[in-house]
Amino acid sequence: VVAGYRLDFVDTPPFLWVLALVALLAALALLLAGIALSRLWNFGDRGGRDLSVGALLAVLVLAPFGVAAYWATIYPPLRDISTDVDDPPALDTSDRTSDMNALSPPTPGEQSLQAEAYPLVSGRSYNLPFETVVDAVETVLDRRDWQLTAPYPDINGQSEATITAVARGLVLGLPA
């Protein structure tokens, strides 16, 4: 399912349901391995090698979920990061995330959490021609393989532009 999701054959909600099902089955396998170990220890039942292989596979499958749970505890509970915390741009939901609810503006607590956790994320101002800055942004987007969710804006005679792109995570390819 990870390959199908990375190749855009599977949408995000079914992908997350499959991940949850995999975690549930691996946890069940580990629980049953514990029960089997108890029977092996108390009654001398057979199947110690199969028990060990099953428990090892369950632990290997659950390891990424454990790492994700660890990350969820050490990173702040933010639902969005913006370079403008006072007036963040609205998220474009015209791509695969169209079933998501629109985000409300960040609360003062979320603004302070972002400022504390990500002090280098802020708006930038450049003393360059506007077209040069937009060209540099386009180059960065191309190099990082971010997908545009809207076409590049027409920059003739403008001094501001909003470029909307989606970055995908390295392993699972979830939108970041």
N, C-alpha and C. Protein backbone atom coordinates (compact mmCIF):
# COMPACT_ATOMS: atom_id res chain seq x y z
N VAL A 1 0.82 -1.18 0.00
CA VAL A 1 0.00 0.00 0.00
C VAL A 1 0.87 1.26 0.00
N VAL A 2 2.07 1.19 0.57
CA VAL A 2 2.95 2.36 0.56
C VAL A 2 3.34 2.69 -0.87
N ALA A 3 3.69 1.70 -1.65
CA ALA A 3 4.04 1.94 -3.05
C ALA A 3 2.84 2.49 -3.81
N GLY A 4 1.66 1.96 -3.58
CA GLY A 4 0.46 2.46 -4.23
C GLY A 4 0.16 3.90 -3.85
N TYR A 5 0.40 4.24 -2.59
CA TYR A 5 0.17 5.61 -2.16
C TYR A 5 1.19 6.56 -2.78
N ARG A 6 2.46 6.14 -2.79
CA ARG A 6 3.50 6.98 -3.37
C ARG A 6 3.27 7.22 -4.86
N LEU A 7 2.65 6.26 -5.55
CA LEU A 7 2.38 6.39 -6.99
C LEU A 7 0.99 6.97 -7.27
N ASP A 8 0.32 7.46 -6.24
CA ASP A 8 -1.00 8.09 -6.35
C ASP A 8 -2.11 7.14 -6.81
N PHE A 9 -2.00 5.86 -6.49
CA PHE A 9 -3.07 4.92 -6.78
C PHE A 9 -4.05 4.81 -5.62
N VAL A 10 -3.62 5.22 -4.41
CA VAL A 10 -4.43 5.11 -3.21
C VAL A 10 -4.53 6.49 -2.58
N ASP A 11 -5.73 6.88 -2.17
CA ASP A 11 -5.94 8.17 -1.51
C ASP A 11 -5.48 8.10 -0.06
N THR A 12 -5.38 9.25 0.58
CA THR A 12 -4.85 9.32 1.95
C THR A 12 -5.71 8.61 2.99
N PRO A 13 -7.02 8.83 3.06
CA PRO A 13 -7.80 8.15 4.12
C PRO A 13 -7.72 6.61 4.06
N PRO A 14 -7.90 5.98 2.88
CA PRO A 14 -7.75 4.52 2.87
C PRO A 14 -6.33 4.07 3.24
N PHE A 15 -5.34 4.84 2.84
CA PHE A 15 -3.95 4.52 3.18
C PHE A 15 -3.77 4.52 4.70
N LEU A 16 -4.31 5.54 5.37
CA LEU A 16 -4.19 5.60 6.83
C LEU A 16 -4.96 4.48 7.51
N TRP A 17 -6.10 4.09 6.94
CA TRP A 17 -6.85 2.95 7.50
C TRP A 17 -6.04 1.66 7.38
N VAL A 18 -5.38 1.47 6.26
CA VAL A 18 -4.56 0.26 6.08
C VAL A 18 -3.40 0.27 7.07
N LEU A 19 -2.76 1.44 7.27
CA LEU A 19 -1.68 1.52 8.25
C LEU A 19 -2.18 1.18 9.65
N ALA A 20 -3.36 1.67 10.00
CA ALA A 20 -3.93 1.37 11.32
C ALA A 20 -4.22 -0.12 11.45
N LEU A 21 -4.74 -0.73 10.40
CA LEU A 21 -5.02 -2.17 10.42
C LEU A 21 -3.73 -2.97 10.57
N VAL A 22 -2.68 -2.56 9.87
CA VAL A 22 -1.39 -3.25 9.99
C VAL A 22 -0.88 -3.16 11.42
N ALA A 23 -0.96 -1.97 12.03
CA ALA A 23 -0.51 -1.82 13.41
C ALA A 23 -1.32 -2.69 14.36
N LEU A 24 -2.63 -2.74 14.15
CA LEU A 24 -3.50 -3.56 14.99
C LEU A 24 -3.15 -5.04 14.85
N LEU A 25 -2.95 -5.51 13.64
CA LEU A 25 -2.61 -6.92 13.43
C LEU A 25 -1.25 -7.26 14.02
N ALA A 26 -0.28 -6.35 13.89
CA ALA A 26 1.05 -6.60 14.46
C ALA A 26 0.98 -6.62 15.99
N ALA A 27 0.18 -5.74 16.58
CA ALA A 27 0.03 -5.75 18.04
C ALA A 27 -0.66 -7.04 18.50
N LEU A 28 -1.64 -7.49 17.74
CA LEU A 28 -2.31 -8.75 18.06
C LEU A 28 -1.33 -9.92 17.95
N ALA A 29 -0.48 -9.91 16.92
CA ALA A 29 0.52 -10.97 16.76
C ALA A 29 1.49 -10.97 17.94
N LEU A 30 1.88 -9.78 18.40
CA LEU A 30 2.79 -9.71 19.54
C LEU A 30 2.11 -10.20 20.82
N LEU A 31 0.84 -9.88 20.99
CA LEU A 31 0.08 -10.37 22.14
C LEU A 31 -0.02 -11.89 22.11
N LEU A 32 -0.35 -12.45 20.95
CA LEU A 32 -0.44 -13.90 20.84
C LEU A 32 0.91 -14.57 21.03
N ALA A 33 1.98 -13.89 20.59
CA ALA A 33 3.32 -14.44 20.84
C ALA A 33 3.61 -14.48 22.34
N GLY A 34 3.16 -13.46 23.05
CA GLY A 34 3.34 -13.46 24.51
C GLY A 34 2.57 -14.59 25.17
N ILE A 35 1.35 -14.82 24.70
CA ILE A 35 0.55 -15.94 25.25
C ILE A 35 1.23 -17.26 24.93
N ALA A 36 1.74 -17.40 23.71
CA ALA A 36 2.43 -18.63 23.32
C ALA A 36 3.69 -18.84 24.14
N LEU A 37 4.41 -17.75 24.43
CA LEU A 37 5.62 -17.86 25.26
C LEU A 37 5.25 -18.34 26.66
N SER A 38 4.14 -17.84 27.18
CA SER A 38 3.69 -18.28 28.49
C SER A 38 3.38 -19.78 28.49
N ARG A 39 2.69 -20.24 27.45
CA ARG A 39 2.38 -21.67 27.35
C ARG A 39 3.66 -22.49 27.17
N LEU A 40 4.57 -21.96 26.38
CA LEU A 40 5.85 -22.65 26.17
C LEU A 40 6.60 -22.78 27.49
N TRP A 41 6.60 -21.73 28.26
CA TRP A 41 7.34 -21.71 29.52
C TRP A 41 6.69 -22.61 30.57
N ASN A 42 5.37 -22.52 30.68
CA ASN A 42 4.67 -23.25 31.74
C ASN A 42 4.41 -24.71 31.42
N PHE A 43 4.12 -25.02 30.16
CA PHE A 43 3.70 -26.37 29.82
C PHE A 43 4.66 -27.09 28.88
N GLY A 44 5.71 -26.40 28.46
CA GLY A 44 6.67 -27.04 27.57
C GLY A 44 6.13 -27.31 26.18
N ASP A 45 5.18 -26.49 25.73
CA ASP A 45 4.64 -26.67 24.38
C ASP A 45 5.74 -26.51 23.34
N ARG A 46 5.42 -26.95 22.14
CA ARG A 46 6.37 -26.86 21.03
C ARG A 46 6.16 -25.53 20.29
N GLY A 47 7.12 -25.22 19.41
CA GLY A 47 6.98 -24.05 18.54
C GLY A 47 7.76 -22.84 18.99
N GLY A 48 8.82 -23.05 19.73
CA GLY A 48 9.63 -21.93 20.21
C GLY A 48 10.24 -21.12 19.07
N ARG A 49 10.68 -21.80 18.01
CA ARG A 49 11.29 -21.09 16.88
C ARG A 49 10.23 -20.26 16.15
N ASP A 50 9.06 -20.83 15.90
CA ASP A 50 8.00 -20.09 15.24
C ASP A 50 7.55 -18.90 16.09
N LEU A 51 7.49 -19.11 17.39
CA LEU A 51 7.13 -18.05 18.31
C LEU A 51 8.13 -16.90 18.22
N SER A 52 9.42 -17.23 18.19
CA SER A 52 10.46 -16.20 18.12
C SER A 52 10.39 -15.43 16.81
N VAL A 53 10.20 -16.13 15.70
CA VAL A 53 10.11 -15.47 14.40
C VAL A 53 8.89 -14.57 14.34
N GLY A 54 7.76 -15.04 14.83
CA GLY A 54 6.54 -14.24 14.82
C GLY A 54 6.67 -12.99 15.68
N ALA A 55 7.26 -13.13 16.85
CA ALA A 55 7.44 -11.99 17.74
C ALA A 55 8.41 -10.98 17.12
N LEU A 56 9.47 -11.48 16.51
CA LEU A 56 10.44 -10.58 15.87
C LEU A 56 9.81 -9.81 14.71
N LEU A 57 9.02 -10.50 13.89
CA LEU A 57 8.35 -9.82 12.78
C LEU A 57 7.35 -8.78 13.30
N ALA A 58 6.62 -9.11 14.36
CA ALA A 58 5.66 -8.15 14.93
C ALA A 58 6.39 -6.92 15.45
N VAL A 59 7.52 -7.12 16.12
CA VAL A 59 8.29 -5.98 16.64
C VAL A 59 8.83 -5.14 15.49
N LEU A 60 9.30 -5.78 14.43
CA LEU A 60 9.80 -5.03 13.27
C LEU A 60 8.70 -4.21 12.60
N VAL A 61 7.51 -4.76 12.52
CA VAL A 61 6.39 -4.02 11.92
C VAL A 61 5.96 -2.87 12.82
N LEU A 62 6.00 -3.06 14.13
CA LEU A 62 5.57 -2.03 15.07
C LEU A 62 6.62 -0.95 15.31
N ALA A 63 7.87 -1.20 14.95
CA ALA A 63 8.94 -0.23 15.21
C ALA A 63 8.67 1.14 14.58
N PRO A 64 8.27 1.25 13.30
CA PRO A 64 7.99 2.59 12.76
C PRO A 64 6.84 3.30 13.48
N PHE A 65 5.86 2.54 13.96
CA PHE A 65 4.77 3.15 14.71
C PHE A 65 5.29 3.68 16.05
N GLY A 66 6.22 2.96 16.66
CA GLY A 66 6.83 3.43 17.90
C GLY A 66 7.64 4.70 17.69
N VAL A 67 8.38 4.77 16.58
CA VAL A 67 9.14 5.97 16.27
C VAL A 67 8.19 7.15 16.04
N ALA A 68 7.11 6.92 15.31
CA ALA A 68 6.12 7.98 15.07
C ALA A 68 5.50 8.45 16.38
N ALA A 69 5.21 7.52 17.28
CA ALA A 69 4.64 7.90 18.59
C ALA A 69 5.65 8.72 19.39
N TYR A 70 6.92 8.36 19.31
CA TYR A 70 7.96 9.13 19.99
C TYR A 70 8.04 10.54 19.44
N TRP A 71 8.03 10.66 18.11
CA TRP A 71 8.06 11.99 17.48
C TRP A 71 6.84 12.81 17.88
N ALA A 72 5.69 12.16 17.98
CA ALA A 72 4.48 12.88 18.36
C ALA A 72 4.57 13.43 19.78
N THR A 73 5.37 12.81 20.62
CA THR A 73 5.51 13.29 21.99
C THR A 73 6.57 14.38 22.12
N ILE A 74 7.57 14.40 21.24
CA ILE A 74 8.64 15.41 21.41
C ILE A 74 8.40 16.67 20.60
N TYR A 75 7.60 16.61 19.54
CA TYR A 75 7.33 17.79 18.73
C TYR A 75 6.04 18.45 19.22
N PRO A 76 5.96 19.77 19.07
CA PRO A 76 4.74 20.45 19.56
C PRO A 76 3.52 20.06 18.74
N PRO A 77 2.36 20.07 19.37
CA PRO A 77 1.12 19.67 18.68
C PRO A 77 0.58 20.79 17.80
N LEU A 78 1.26 21.07 16.71
CA LEU A 78 0.84 22.11 15.78
C LEU A 78 0.18 21.48 14.57
N ARG A 79 -0.85 22.13 14.04
CA ARG A 79 -1.52 21.60 12.87
C ARG A 79 -1.09 22.29 11.59
N ASP A 80 -0.32 23.39 11.72
CA ASP A 80 0.18 24.11 10.56
C ASP A 80 1.35 24.98 11.00
N ILE A 81 2.28 25.19 10.08
CA ILE A 81 3.41 26.09 10.31
C ILE A 81 3.32 27.17 9.24
N SER A 82 3.46 28.41 9.64
CA SER A 82 3.34 29.50 8.68
C SER A 82 4.44 30.52 8.92
N THR A 83 4.85 31.20 7.86
CA THR A 83 5.81 32.29 8.01
C THR A 83 5.14 33.55 8.50
N ASP A 84 3.82 33.58 8.49
CA ASP A 84 3.06 34.73 8.97
C ASP A 84 2.04 34.23 9.97
N VAL A 85 2.41 34.22 11.25
CA VAL A 85 1.51 33.65 12.27
C VAL A 85 0.34 34.57 12.58
N ASP A 86 0.47 35.87 12.30
CA ASP A 86 -0.63 36.80 12.58
C ASP A 86 -1.75 36.69 11.56
N ASP A 87 -1.40 36.50 10.28
CA ASP A 87 -2.40 36.40 9.22
C ASP A 87 -1.94 35.32 8.24
N PRO A 88 -2.03 34.02 8.63
CA PRO A 88 -1.52 32.96 7.75
C PRO A 88 -2.36 32.83 6.48
N PRO A 89 -1.71 32.45 5.38
CA PRO A 89 -2.48 32.25 4.15
C PRO A 89 -3.40 31.04 4.29
N ALA A 90 -4.52 31.10 3.59
CA ALA A 90 -5.48 29.99 3.62
C ALA A 90 -4.90 28.80 2.86
N LEU A 91 -5.16 27.61 3.35
CA LEU A 91 -4.69 26.41 2.68
C LEU A 91 -5.56 26.12 1.46
N ASP A 92 -4.92 25.73 0.38
CA ASP A 92 -5.63 25.35 -0.83
C ASP A 92 -5.96 23.87 -0.71
N THR A 93 -7.25 23.54 -0.73
CA THR A 93 -7.67 22.15 -0.57
C THR A 93 -8.19 21.56 -1.86
N SER A 94 -7.67 22.02 -2.99
CA SER A 94 -8.19 21.53 -4.27
C SER A 94 -7.53 20.24 -4.71
N ASP A 95 -6.50 19.79 -4.02
CA ASP A 95 -5.84 18.54 -4.42
C ASP A 95 -6.43 17.37 -3.64
N ARG A 96 -5.62 16.35 -3.36
CA ARG A 96 -6.10 15.13 -2.70
C ARG A 96 -6.60 15.36 -1.29
N THR A 97 -6.31 16.49 -0.70
CA THR A 97 -6.74 16.74 0.68
C THR A 97 -8.07 17.46 0.74
N SER A 98 -8.86 17.39 -0.34
CA SER A 98 -10.11 18.15 -0.40
C SER A 98 -11.12 17.72 0.64
N ASP A 99 -10.96 16.55 1.23
CA ASP A 99 -11.91 16.13 2.24
C ASP A 99 -11.54 16.62 3.64
N MET A 100 -10.45 17.38 3.74
CA MET A 100 -10.05 17.92 5.03
C MET A 100 -10.89 19.14 5.37
N ASN A 101 -11.09 19.35 6.65
CA ASN A 101 -11.79 20.55 7.08
C ASN A 101 -10.85 21.74 6.96
N ALA A 102 -11.39 22.90 6.71
CA ALA A 102 -10.58 24.11 6.65
C ALA A 102 -10.04 24.41 8.05
N LEU A 103 -8.80 24.86 8.11
CA LEU A 103 -8.19 25.17 9.39
C LEU A 103 -8.61 26.55 9.85
N SER A 104 -8.87 26.66 11.13
CA SER A 104 -9.15 27.97 11.71
C SER A 104 -7.81 28.66 11.94
N PRO A 105 -7.81 29.97 12.11
CA PRO A 105 -6.55 30.68 12.36
C PRO A 105 -5.88 30.14 13.62
N PRO A 106 -4.56 30.21 13.68
CA PRO A 106 -3.87 29.69 14.87
C PRO A 106 -4.22 30.49 16.12
N THR A 107 -4.30 29.77 17.21
CA THR A 107 -4.58 30.42 18.49
C THR A 107 -3.29 31.07 19.00
N PRO A 108 -3.38 31.98 19.96
CA PRO A 108 -2.16 32.58 20.51
C PRO A 108 -1.22 31.52 21.10
N GLY A 109 -1.78 30.48 21.68
CA GLY A 109 -0.92 29.41 22.20
C GLY A 109 -0.16 28.69 21.10
N GLU A 110 -0.83 28.43 19.97
CA GLU A 110 -0.15 27.79 18.84
C GLU A 110 0.89 28.72 18.23
N GLN A 111 0.61 30.01 18.21
CA GLN A 111 1.59 30.97 17.70
C GLN A 111 2.85 30.97 18.55
N SER A 112 2.68 30.93 19.86
CA SER A 112 3.87 30.91 20.73
C SER A 112 4.61 29.58 20.64
N LEU A 113 3.85 28.47 20.49
CA LEU A 113 4.50 27.16 20.30
C LEU A 113 5.35 27.15 19.03
N GLN A 114 4.80 27.70 17.94
CA GLN A 114 5.56 27.73 16.69
C GLN A 114 6.80 28.61 16.84
N ALA A 115 6.66 29.77 17.46
CA ALA A 115 7.80 30.66 17.63
C ALA A 115 8.89 30.02 18.48
N GLU A 116 8.48 29.22 19.45
CA GLU A 116 9.45 28.54 20.32
C GLU A 116 10.10 27.35 19.62
N ALA A 117 9.31 26.55 18.91
CA ALA A 117 9.82 25.33 18.29
C ALA A 117 10.55 25.60 16.97
N TYR A 118 10.11 26.62 16.24
CA TYR A 118 10.68 26.92 14.92
C TYR A 118 11.05 28.40 14.83
N PRO A 119 12.09 28.82 15.54
CA PRO A 119 12.41 30.25 15.57
C PRO A 119 12.91 30.80 14.23
N LEU A 120 13.39 29.96 13.35
CA LEU A 120 13.92 30.44 12.07
C LEU A 120 12.85 30.56 10.99
N VAL A 121 11.63 30.09 11.26
CA VAL A 121 10.55 30.19 10.27
C VAL A 121 9.91 31.57 10.40
N SER A 122 10.18 32.39 9.43
CA SER A 122 9.60 33.73 9.44
C SER A 122 9.54 34.24 8.00
N GLY A 123 8.84 35.34 7.82
CA GLY A 123 8.77 35.95 6.50
C GLY A 123 10.12 36.55 6.12
N ARG A 124 10.36 36.66 4.86
CA ARG A 124 11.63 37.21 4.37
C ARG A 124 11.35 38.39 3.45
N SER A 125 12.28 39.30 3.42
CA SER A 125 12.22 40.44 2.52
C SER A 125 13.56 40.53 1.82
N TYR A 126 13.55 40.67 0.50
CA TYR A 126 14.77 40.68 -0.28
C TYR A 126 14.90 41.98 -1.04
N ASN A 127 16.11 42.48 -1.12
CA ASN A 127 16.40 43.69 -1.86
C ASN A 127 16.82 43.31 -3.28
N LEU A 128 15.90 42.65 -3.99
CA LEU A 128 16.13 42.18 -5.35
C LEU A 128 14.89 42.48 -6.17
N PRO A 129 15.04 42.46 -7.49
CA PRO A 129 13.82 42.59 -8.30
C PRO A 129 12.86 41.44 -8.03
N PHE A 130 11.57 41.74 -8.05
CA PHE A 130 10.55 40.76 -7.72
C PHE A 130 10.65 39.52 -8.59
N GLU A 131 10.88 39.69 -9.89
CA GLU A 131 10.97 38.55 -10.81
C GLU A 131 12.12 37.62 -10.44
N THR A 132 13.22 38.18 -9.95
CA THR A 132 14.38 37.38 -9.56
C THR A 132 14.03 36.49 -8.36
N VAL A 133 13.30 37.05 -7.40
CA VAL A 133 12.90 36.28 -6.22
C VAL A 133 11.96 35.15 -6.62
N VAL A 134 10.98 35.44 -7.47
CA VAL A 134 10.04 34.41 -7.91
C VAL A 134 10.76 33.32 -8.69
N ASP A 135 11.73 33.68 -9.54
CA ASP A 135 12.52 32.69 -10.28
C ASP A 135 13.31 31.80 -9.31
N ALA A 136 13.86 32.40 -8.26
CA ALA A 136 14.61 31.62 -7.27
C ALA A 136 13.69 30.64 -6.54
N VAL A 137 12.48 31.10 -6.22
CA VAL A 137 11.51 30.21 -5.56
C VAL A 137 11.14 29.06 -6.49
N GLU A 138 10.93 29.34 -7.75
CA GLU A 138 10.61 28.28 -8.72
C GLU A 138 11.74 27.27 -8.80
N THR A 139 12.98 27.73 -8.78
CA THR A 139 14.13 26.84 -8.83
C THR A 139 14.17 25.93 -7.61
N VAL A 140 13.93 26.51 -6.44
CA VAL A 140 13.94 25.70 -5.20
C VAL A 140 12.82 24.66 -5.25
N LEU A 141 11.64 25.07 -5.69
CA LEU A 141 10.53 24.12 -5.77
C LEU A 141 10.85 22.97 -6.72
N ASP A 142 11.46 23.27 -7.85
CA ASP A 142 11.83 22.23 -8.81
C ASP A 142 12.89 21.29 -8.24
N ARG A 143 13.88 21.84 -7.56
CA ARG A 143 14.95 21.00 -7.00
C ARG A 143 14.44 20.09 -5.89
N ARG A 144 13.50 20.56 -5.12
CA ARG A 144 12.96 19.76 -4.01
C ARG A 144 11.81 18.87 -4.43
N ASP A 145 11.41 18.97 -5.67
CA ASP A 145 10.34 18.15 -6.23
C ASP A 145 9.02 18.35 -5.49
N TRP A 146 8.72 19.60 -5.15
CA TRP A 146 7.45 19.93 -4.54
C TRP A 146 6.43 20.10 -5.65
N GLN A 147 5.20 19.70 -5.39
CA GLN A 147 4.15 19.77 -6.40
C GLN A 147 3.33 21.03 -6.21
N LEU A 148 3.16 21.78 -7.28
CA LEU A 148 2.34 22.98 -7.23
C LEU A 148 0.87 22.58 -7.17
N THR A 149 0.11 23.26 -6.34
CA THR A 149 -1.33 23.00 -6.29
C THR A 149 -2.10 24.04 -7.07
N ALA A 150 -1.41 25.07 -7.52
CA ALA A 150 -1.99 26.11 -8.37
C ALA A 150 -0.90 26.58 -9.32
N PRO A 151 -1.23 27.07 -10.50
CA PRO A 151 -0.19 27.53 -11.42
C PRO A 151 0.55 28.74 -10.83
N TYR A 152 1.77 28.95 -11.36
CA TYR A 152 2.53 30.12 -10.93
C TYR A 152 1.74 31.38 -11.22
N PRO A 153 1.77 32.35 -10.30
CA PRO A 153 1.00 33.58 -10.52
C PRO A 153 1.64 34.45 -11.60
N ASP A 154 0.82 35.27 -12.23
CA ASP A 154 1.31 36.24 -13.20
C ASP A 154 1.95 37.38 -12.40
N ILE A 155 3.25 37.59 -12.58
CA ILE A 155 3.98 38.53 -11.72
C ILE A 155 4.24 39.87 -12.39
N ASN A 156 3.67 40.11 -13.54
CA ASN A 156 3.91 41.38 -14.23
C ASN A 156 3.36 42.54 -13.42
N GLY A 157 4.26 43.42 -12.99
CA GLY A 157 3.86 44.63 -12.27
C GLY A 157 3.42 44.41 -10.85
N GLN A 158 3.62 43.22 -10.29
CA GLN A 158 3.19 42.95 -8.91
C GLN A 158 4.38 43.04 -7.96
N SER A 159 4.08 43.20 -6.70
CA SER A 159 5.13 43.18 -5.69
C SER A 159 4.90 42.08 -4.67
N GLU A 160 3.82 41.30 -4.83
CA GLU A 160 3.52 40.17 -3.95
C GLU A 160 2.97 39.04 -4.79
N ALA A 161 3.27 37.82 -4.36
CA ALA A 161 2.72 36.64 -5.03
C ALA A 161 2.59 35.53 -3.99
N THR A 162 1.59 34.70 -4.18
CA THR A 162 1.42 33.52 -3.34
C THR A 162 1.62 32.31 -4.23
N ILE A 163 2.60 31.49 -3.85
CA ILE A 163 2.88 30.25 -4.58
C ILE A 163 2.53 29.13 -3.63
N THR A 164 1.63 28.27 -4.05
CA THR A 164 1.14 27.19 -3.20
C THR A 164 1.69 25.87 -3.71
N ALA A 165 2.39 25.15 -2.84
CA ALA A 165 2.99 23.87 -3.22
C ALA A 165 2.83 22.87 -2.07
N VAL A 166 2.92 21.61 -2.40
CA VAL A 166 2.83 20.55 -1.40
C VAL A 166 4.14 19.77 -1.41
N ALA A 167 4.71 19.64 -0.23
CA ALA A 167 5.90 18.82 -0.06
C ALA A 167 5.44 17.47 0.50
N ARG A 168 6.07 16.42 0.08
CA ARG A 168 5.72 15.08 0.54
C ARG A 168 6.84 14.57 1.45
N GLY A 169 6.45 13.82 2.47
CA GLY A 169 7.43 13.23 3.36
C GLY A 169 8.28 12.19 2.63
N LEU A 170 9.46 11.94 3.15
CA LEU A 170 10.42 11.07 2.47
C LEU A 170 9.97 9.62 2.44
N VAL A 171 9.54 9.07 3.54
CA VAL A 171 9.26 7.64 3.62
C VAL A 171 7.87 7.29 3.10
N LEU A 172 6.84 7.85 3.71
CA LEU A 172 5.48 7.49 3.34
C LEU A 172 4.89 8.40 2.26
N GLY A 173 5.45 9.56 2.08
CA GLY A 173 4.94 10.47 1.07
C GLY A 173 3.69 11.21 1.50
N LEU A 174 3.46 11.31 2.81
CA LEU A 174 2.30 12.06 3.28
C LEU A 174 2.54 13.55 3.03
N PRO A 175 1.50 14.30 2.73
CA PRO A 175 1.68 15.74 2.51
C PRO A 175 2.20 16.41 3.76
N ALA A 176 3.19 17.27 3.57
CA ALA A 176 3.78 17.95 4.72
C ALA A 176 3.45 19.42 4.69
